[in-house]
Amino acid sequence: MKQLWLFSQINSDLQRVEKELTKFVETDYPILQDSAVHLLAAGGKRLRPAFTLLAGKFYGYSLEKLIPVAMALELIHMSSLVHDDVVDASMTRRGRPTVKANWGNIVSVQTGDYLLAKSLMLISKIDHPEVARILAEISVEMCQGEIQQIKCSFDVEQNIKQYYYRIKRKTALLISACCRLGAIVSGAPRRQVWALGAYGHSLGMAFQIVDDVLDLTAKASEFGKPVGGDLRQGIMTLPMILALKSSTNPAHLKMLLRKVDKTDEEVLETIELINNTGAIDESMHLVDLYVLKAKRHLQDLPKVPTRKALEELAEFIRVRKF
């Protein structure tokens, strides 16, 4: 992972989570084994396990208690990614072929279902009554967010409130749950559990806005997937919504955003039009506000080295290029 330097307190523990994940997804069915291992080997930022472990560092840190929680959260996330790649017809992720690209839609869906089922096995063994309830509620809301995104494809009349609804359920709630559950399993007081959850929520919102900005501005080699994917799929993101408000020719921009089968030239033209409105800078200003809000929630937590790590993580999410 490129950003492991941020996690100096938990490097070895994250590596342990990685090893346990690899062992846990093993199966006697070769195609399922290959597809699951392929997904794991693609790496990723492993932010969700990192948030879980860091949240646990504030109180009664027990790696043995936290590992099943961190693994379950990452498996839920990975399951959603595999299903997303089917819905979005994505052929690359993190610079590698997706499961869909290598094995097709049927194997992809079953791999996602398998990972979700494996997460349920872990959750059933976690000895804390709130964990299963929180993860069940989050999973339901994540599905609702995805359905909302599909329902609103190519709808250029969406507003910022609808966008926030989607990204809260698509990204922020799971990151918030990582922080909450890491604290809960470690025996944190309820006030601190709330503060860590609020930190995770604000950071999750910032993370998704940055992701949506990168889809329009990043280099494909750094981003790990083709840029302009949201434009091609008709996903209305914050820069697009803001651009429509300040465009000198909103009718033309709407026409391009509505178009289902865009050529590469039309995608590049749309990106240029969005950039010319200042919507990217305005989006990043909102990222800054969410990062500031996240860091303010940390003020309710003990002033220990872990708090500094979470502050640095907030800054990393703001400036990341992948």
Protein backbone atom coordinates (compact mmCIF):
# COMPACT_ATOMS: atom_id res chain seq x y z
CA MET A 1 0.00 0.00 0.00
CA LYS A 2 1.37 3.37 -1.02
CA GLN A 3 0.22 5.13 2.10
CA LEU A 4 1.40 2.69 4.78
CA TRP A 5 3.66 5.41 6.18
CA LEU A 6 0.51 6.96 7.63
CA PHE A 7 -0.18 3.83 9.66
CA SER A 8 3.12 3.40 11.51
CA GLN A 9 1.24 2.40 14.68
CA ILE A 10 -0.65 -0.42 12.97
CA ASN A 11 1.56 -1.56 10.05
CA SER A 12 2.22 -5.03 11.42
CA ASP A 13 -1.41 -5.42 12.51
CA LEU A 14 -2.66 -4.42 9.04
CA GLN A 15 -0.34 -7.02 7.53
CA ARG A 16 -1.84 -9.57 9.89
CA VAL A 17 -5.35 -8.60 8.71
CA GLU A 18 -4.17 -9.04 5.11
CA LYS A 19 -2.83 -12.55 5.81
CA GLU A 20 -6.00 -13.56 7.65
CA LEU A 21 -8.16 -12.26 4.79
CA THR A 22 -6.23 -14.33 2.26
CA LYS A 23 -6.62 -17.49 4.35
CA PHE A 24 -10.27 -16.79 5.10
CA VAL A 25 -11.44 -16.54 1.49
CA GLU A 26 -9.81 -19.85 0.50
CA THR A 27 -12.21 -22.39 -0.98
CA ASP A 28 -12.06 -25.75 -2.78
CA TYR A 29 -13.88 -24.30 -5.81
CA PRO A 30 -11.13 -23.21 -8.23
CA ILE A 31 -12.95 -20.40 -10.07
CA LEU A 32 -14.27 -18.90 -6.84
CA GLN A 33 -10.84 -19.25 -5.26
CA ASP A 34 -9.12 -17.59 -8.22
CA SER A 35 -11.58 -14.71 -8.48
CA ALA A 36 -11.55 -13.97 -4.73
CA VAL A 37 -7.76 -14.12 -4.52
CA HIS A 38 -7.48 -11.96 -7.64
CA LEU A 39 -9.61 -9.31 -5.94
CA LEU A 40 -7.54 -9.45 -2.76
CA ALA A 41 -4.27 -9.35 -4.67
CA ALA A 42 -5.38 -6.12 -6.36
CA GLY A 43 -4.66 -4.59 -2.97
CA GLY A 44 -6.48 -1.35 -2.51
CA LYS A 45 -6.00 1.17 0.24
CA ARG A 46 -7.39 -1.06 3.02
CA LEU A 47 -8.65 2.15 4.60
CA ARG A 48 -11.57 0.43 6.30
CA PRO A 49 -9.48 -2.03 8.33
CA ALA A 50 -7.06 0.82 9.10
CA PHE A 51 -9.88 3.00 10.45
CA THR A 52 -11.12 0.08 12.55
CA LEU A 53 -7.71 -0.60 14.10
CA LEU A 54 -6.88 3.06 14.68
CA ALA A 55 -10.24 3.66 16.39
CA GLY A 56 -9.47 0.74 18.69
CA LYS A 57 -6.11 2.26 19.64
CA PHE A 58 -7.73 4.90 21.84
CA TYR A 59 -8.96 2.42 24.44
CA GLY A 60 -8.60 -1.29 25.26
CA TYR A 61 -6.82 -2.31 22.07
CA SER A 62 -7.06 -6.03 21.38
CA LEU A 63 -5.98 -7.13 17.93
CA GLU A 64 -7.65 -10.53 18.36
CA LYS A 65 -11.01 -8.83 18.98
CA LEU A 66 -10.54 -6.28 16.20
CA ILE A 67 -9.35 -8.59 13.41
CA PRO A 68 -12.78 -10.22 12.76
CA VAL A 69 -14.41 -6.77 12.71
CA ALA A 70 -11.79 -5.32 10.35
CA MET A 71 -12.02 -8.35 8.08
CA ALA A 72 -15.83 -8.31 7.98
CA LEU A 73 -15.88 -4.62 7.06
CA GLU A 74 -13.32 -5.10 4.28
CA LEU A 75 -15.21 -8.10 2.89
CA ILE A 76 -18.45 -6.09 2.80
CA HIS A 77 -16.60 -3.33 0.96
CA MET A 78 -14.99 -5.77 -1.50
CA SER A 79 -18.32 -7.44 -2.15
CA SER A 80 -19.83 -4.07 -3.06
CA LEU A 81 -16.92 -3.33 -5.41
CA VAL A 82 -17.39 -6.58 -7.34
CA HIS A 83 -21.11 -5.93 -7.72
CA ASP A 84 -20.40 -2.30 -8.74
CA ASP A 85 -18.06 -3.47 -11.49
CA VAL A 86 -20.87 -5.59 -12.93
CA VAL A 87 -23.39 -2.75 -12.80
CA ASP A 88 -20.89 -0.23 -14.19
CA ALA A 89 -19.39 -2.65 -16.75
CA SER A 90 -15.95 -1.73 -15.38
CA MET A 91 -13.06 -3.61 -16.93
CA THR A 92 -10.24 -2.22 -14.76
CA ARG A 93 -9.86 -1.26 -11.13
CA ARG A 94 -6.62 -0.14 -9.46
CA GLY A 95 -4.88 -0.62 -12.78
CA ARG A 96 -5.77 -4.31 -13.01
CA PRO A 97 -8.52 -6.23 -14.82
CA THR A 98 -11.67 -6.57 -12.72
CA VAL A 99 -13.21 -9.91 -11.81
CA LYS A 100 -15.84 -9.09 -14.42
CA ALA A 101 -13.14 -8.61 -17.07
CA ASN A 102 -11.50 -11.96 -16.30
CA TRP A 103 -14.49 -14.18 -15.46
CA GLY A 104 -17.65 -12.37 -16.59
CA ASN A 105 -20.79 -11.18 -14.83
CA ILE A 106 -22.02 -14.50 -13.41
CA VAL A 107 -18.77 -15.33 -11.62
CA SER A 108 -18.47 -11.71 -10.49
CA VAL A 109 -21.91 -11.71 -8.85
CA GLN A 110 -21.25 -15.04 -7.17
CA THR A 111 -17.84 -13.85 -5.95
CA GLY A 112 -19.46 -10.78 -4.42
CA ASP A 113 -22.12 -12.95 -2.79
CA TYR A 114 -19.43 -15.33 -1.50
CA LEU A 115 -17.46 -12.49 0.12
CA LEU A 116 -20.62 -11.10 1.70
CA ALA A 117 -21.51 -14.55 3.06
CA LYS A 118 -17.99 -14.91 4.47
CA SER A 119 -18.40 -11.58 6.22
CA LEU A 120 -21.60 -12.90 7.83
CA MET A 121 -19.64 -15.88 9.17
CA LEU A 122 -17.23 -13.49 10.86
CA ILE A 123 -19.99 -11.25 12.20
CA SER A 124 -21.78 -14.23 13.78
CA LYS A 125 -18.68 -14.94 15.87
CA ILE A 126 -18.13 -11.39 17.16
CA ASP A 127 -19.17 -11.32 20.79
CA HIS A 128 -20.87 -7.94 20.89
CA PRO A 129 -24.61 -7.35 20.37
CA GLU A 130 -24.28 -4.00 18.55
CA VAL A 131 -21.91 -5.17 15.81
CA ALA A 132 -24.38 -7.30 13.83
CA ARG A 133 -27.13 -4.68 14.14
CA ILE A 134 -24.92 -1.81 12.93
CA LEU A 135 -23.51 -3.80 10.00
CA ALA A 136 -26.98 -4.99 8.96
CA GLU A 137 -28.32 -1.42 9.00
CA ILE A 138 -25.31 -0.13 7.04
CA SER A 139 -25.63 -2.90 4.44
CA VAL A 140 -29.29 -2.03 3.85
CA GLU A 141 -28.49 1.67 3.45
CA MET A 142 -25.60 0.93 1.08
CA CYS A 143 -28.01 -0.98 -1.15
CA GLN A 144 -30.48 1.90 -1.02
CA GLY A 145 -27.74 4.31 -2.09
CA GLU A 146 -26.78 2.11 -5.03
CA ILE A 147 -30.41 1.78 -6.15
CA GLN A 148 -30.80 5.55 -5.94
CA GLN A 149 -27.70 5.96 -8.12
CA ILE A 150 -29.04 3.54 -10.75
CA LYS A 151 -32.48 5.17 -10.67
CA CYS A 152 -31.02 8.64 -11.26
CA SER A 153 -28.63 7.73 -14.09
CA PHE A 154 -28.39 10.53 -16.71
CA ASP A 155 -30.82 12.69 -14.71
CA VAL A 156 -29.33 16.17 -15.00
CA GLU A 157 -31.96 17.71 -12.73
CA GLN A 158 -30.44 16.21 -9.58
CA ASN A 159 -29.51 18.60 -6.78
CA ILE A 160 -26.78 18.65 -4.15
CA LYS A 161 -29.10 17.26 -1.47
CA GLN A 162 -29.76 14.15 -3.59
CA TYR A 163 -26.04 13.80 -4.26
CA TYR A 164 -25.24 13.93 -0.54
CA TYR A 165 -27.94 11.32 0.11
CA ARG A 166 -26.22 8.96 -2.32
CA ILE A 167 -22.63 9.37 -1.20
CA LYS A 168 -23.59 9.16 2.46
CA ARG A 169 -24.99 5.68 1.82
CA LYS A 170 -22.47 4.69 -0.83
CA THR A 171 -19.33 5.55 1.13
CA ALA A 172 -19.62 7.58 4.33
CA LEU A 173 -21.76 5.22 6.41
CA LEU A 174 -19.35 2.28 6.03
CA ILE A 175 -16.29 4.37 6.93
CA SER A 176 -18.21 5.76 9.90
CA ALA A 177 -19.12 2.20 10.94
CA CYS A 178 -15.44 1.19 10.83
CA CYS A 179 -14.57 3.90 13.32
CA ARG A 180 -17.58 3.21 15.53
CA LEU A 181 -17.11 -0.54 15.64
CA GLY A 182 -13.37 -0.31 16.31
CA ALA A 183 -14.20 1.87 19.30
CA ILE A 184 -17.15 -0.23 20.49
CA VAL A 185 -15.25 -3.53 20.42
CA SER A 186 -12.40 -1.85 22.31
CA GLY A 187 -14.72 -0.68 25.08
CA ALA A 188 -14.75 3.05 24.36
CA PRO A 189 -17.21 5.31 26.21
CA ARG A 190 -20.35 6.10 24.22
CA ARG A 191 -19.41 9.77 23.72
CA GLN A 192 -16.10 8.76 22.13
CA VAL A 193 -17.83 6.13 19.98
CA TRP A 194 -20.08 8.91 18.66
CA ALA A 195 -17.12 11.25 18.03
CA LEU A 196 -15.20 8.61 16.08
CA GLY A 197 -18.30 7.74 14.07
CA ALA A 198 -18.87 11.43 13.25
CA TYR A 199 -15.21 11.75 12.23
CA GLY A 200 -15.58 8.74 9.93
CA HIS A 201 -18.79 10.09 8.42
CA SER A 202 -17.27 13.48 7.56
CA LEU A 203 -14.15 11.84 6.18
CA GLY A 204 -16.24 9.41 4.14
CA MET A 205 -18.10 12.30 2.54
CA ALA A 206 -14.78 14.00 1.74
CA PHE A 207 -13.37 10.74 0.36
CA GLN A 208 -16.23 10.29 -2.12
CA ILE A 209 -16.18 13.90 -3.30
CA VAL A 210 -12.42 13.59 -3.95
CA ASP A 211 -13.09 10.33 -5.82
CA ASP A 212 -15.65 12.11 -8.00
CA VAL A 213 -13.23 14.97 -8.66
CA LEU A 214 -10.43 12.55 -9.56
CA ASP A 215 -12.73 10.85 -12.06
CA LEU A 216 -12.60 14.13 -14.00
CA THR A 217 -9.05 15.29 -13.29
CA ALA A 218 -6.74 12.37 -12.51
CA LYS A 219 -4.27 10.53 -14.69
CA ALA A 220 -5.61 7.05 -15.43
CA SER A 221 -2.20 5.57 -14.51
CA GLU A 222 -2.45 7.03 -11.00
CA PHE A 223 -6.20 6.66 -10.52
CA GLY A 224 -6.17 2.94 -11.34
CA LYS A 225 -9.17 3.09 -13.68
CA PRO A 226 -10.19 5.09 -16.75
CA VAL A 227 -11.14 8.70 -16.04
CA GLY A 228 -14.56 9.96 -17.08
CA GLY A 229 -16.25 6.76 -15.94
CA ASP A 230 -19.00 8.63 -14.12
CA LEU A 231 -19.76 10.65 -17.26
CA ARG A 232 -20.06 7.49 -19.35
CA GLN A 233 -22.32 5.82 -16.79
CA GLY A 234 -24.53 8.86 -16.27
CA ILE A 235 -23.64 9.27 -12.59
CA MET A 236 -24.23 12.90 -11.65
CA THR A 237 -21.46 13.90 -9.26
CA LEU A 238 -20.87 17.10 -7.33
CA PRO A 239 -18.61 18.79 -9.94
CA MET A 240 -21.26 18.16 -12.62
CA ILE A 241 -24.09 19.53 -10.48
CA LEU A 242 -22.08 22.63 -9.56
CA ALA A 243 -20.95 23.13 -13.16
CA LEU A 244 -24.55 23.25 -14.38
CA LYS A 245 -25.24 26.05 -11.92
CA SER A 246 -22.42 28.26 -13.18
CA SER A 247 -22.04 27.24 -16.84
CA THR A 248 -22.38 29.97 -19.46
CA ASN A 249 -24.08 27.42 -21.70
CA PRO A 250 -25.95 25.01 -19.37
CA ALA A 251 -28.19 23.69 -22.18
CA HIS A 252 -25.20 22.35 -24.12
CA LEU A 253 -23.63 20.87 -20.97
CA LYS A 254 -26.96 19.23 -20.09
CA MET A 255 -27.16 17.75 -23.56
CA LEU A 256 -23.71 16.19 -23.21
CA LEU A 257 -24.39 14.89 -19.68
CA ARG A 258 -27.70 13.34 -20.78
CA LYS A 259 -26.19 11.53 -23.75
CA VAL A 260 -26.05 7.79 -23.03
CA ASP A 261 -23.43 6.78 -25.61
CA LYS A 262 -20.74 9.46 -25.45
CA THR A 263 -17.75 9.36 -27.75
CA ASP A 264 -14.28 9.83 -26.27
CA GLU A 265 -14.25 13.32 -27.78
CA GLU A 266 -17.55 14.19 -26.08
CA VAL A 267 -16.24 12.93 -22.74
CA LEU A 268 -13.15 15.14 -23.09
CA GLU A 269 -15.30 18.11 -24.12
CA THR A 270 -17.59 17.62 -21.11
CA ILE A 271 -14.61 17.43 -18.74
CA GLU A 272 -13.20 20.64 -20.22
CA LEU A 273 -16.54 22.44 -19.87
CA ILE A 274 -16.84 21.36 -16.23
CA ASN A 275 -13.28 22.47 -15.48
CA ASN A 276 -13.91 25.88 -17.07
CA THR A 277 -16.78 26.63 -14.66
CA GLY A 278 -14.64 26.42 -11.53
CA ALA A 279 -16.73 23.48 -10.26
CA ILE A 280 -13.62 21.43 -9.43
CA ASP A 281 -12.25 24.13 -7.11
CA GLU A 282 -15.68 24.59 -5.55
CA SER A 283 -15.95 20.83 -4.94
CA MET A 284 -12.52 20.76 -3.32
CA HIS A 285 -13.56 23.66 -1.09
CA LEU A 286 -16.39 21.47 0.20
CA VAL A 287 -13.85 18.67 0.73
CA ASP A 288 -11.80 21.06 2.87
CA LEU A 289 -14.88 21.83 4.98
CA TYR A 290 -15.61 18.13 5.55
CA VAL A 291 -11.97 17.44 6.46
CA LEU A 292 -12.02 20.36 8.92
CA LYS A 293 -15.26 19.03 10.42
CA ALA A 294 -13.74 15.55 10.76
CA LYS A 295 -10.67 16.93 12.55
CA ARG A 296 -12.87 18.93 14.92
CA HIS A 297 -14.60 15.73 16.02
CA LEU A 298 -11.19 14.37 17.03
CA GLN A 299 -10.94 17.11 19.67
CA ASP A 300 -13.35 15.06 21.82
CA LEU A 301 -10.85 12.17 21.94
CA PRO A 302 -7.82 11.59 24.17
CA LYS A 303 -4.71 13.43 22.95
CA VAL A 304 -2.66 10.37 22.05
CA PRO A 305 -0.46 9.57 19.00
CA THR A 306 -3.39 7.82 17.32
CA ARG A 307 -5.28 11.10 17.16
CA LYS A 308 -2.39 12.59 15.18
CA ALA A 309 -2.52 9.61 12.81
CA LEU A 310 -6.23 10.20 12.17
CA GLU A 311 -5.53 13.89 11.51
CA GLU A 312 -2.85 12.92 8.98
CA LEU A 313 -5.23 10.43 7.40
CA ALA A 314 -7.78 13.21 6.95
CA GLU A 315 -5.15 15.32 5.18
CA PHE A 316 -4.12 12.37 3.00
CA ILE A 317 -7.69 11.85 1.82
CA ARG A 318 -7.87 15.51 0.83
CA VAL A 319 -4.73 15.44 -1.37
CA ARG A 320 -4.72 11.84 -2.63
CA LYS A 321 -4.32 11.13 -6.34
CA PHE A 322 -5.60 7.51 -6.34
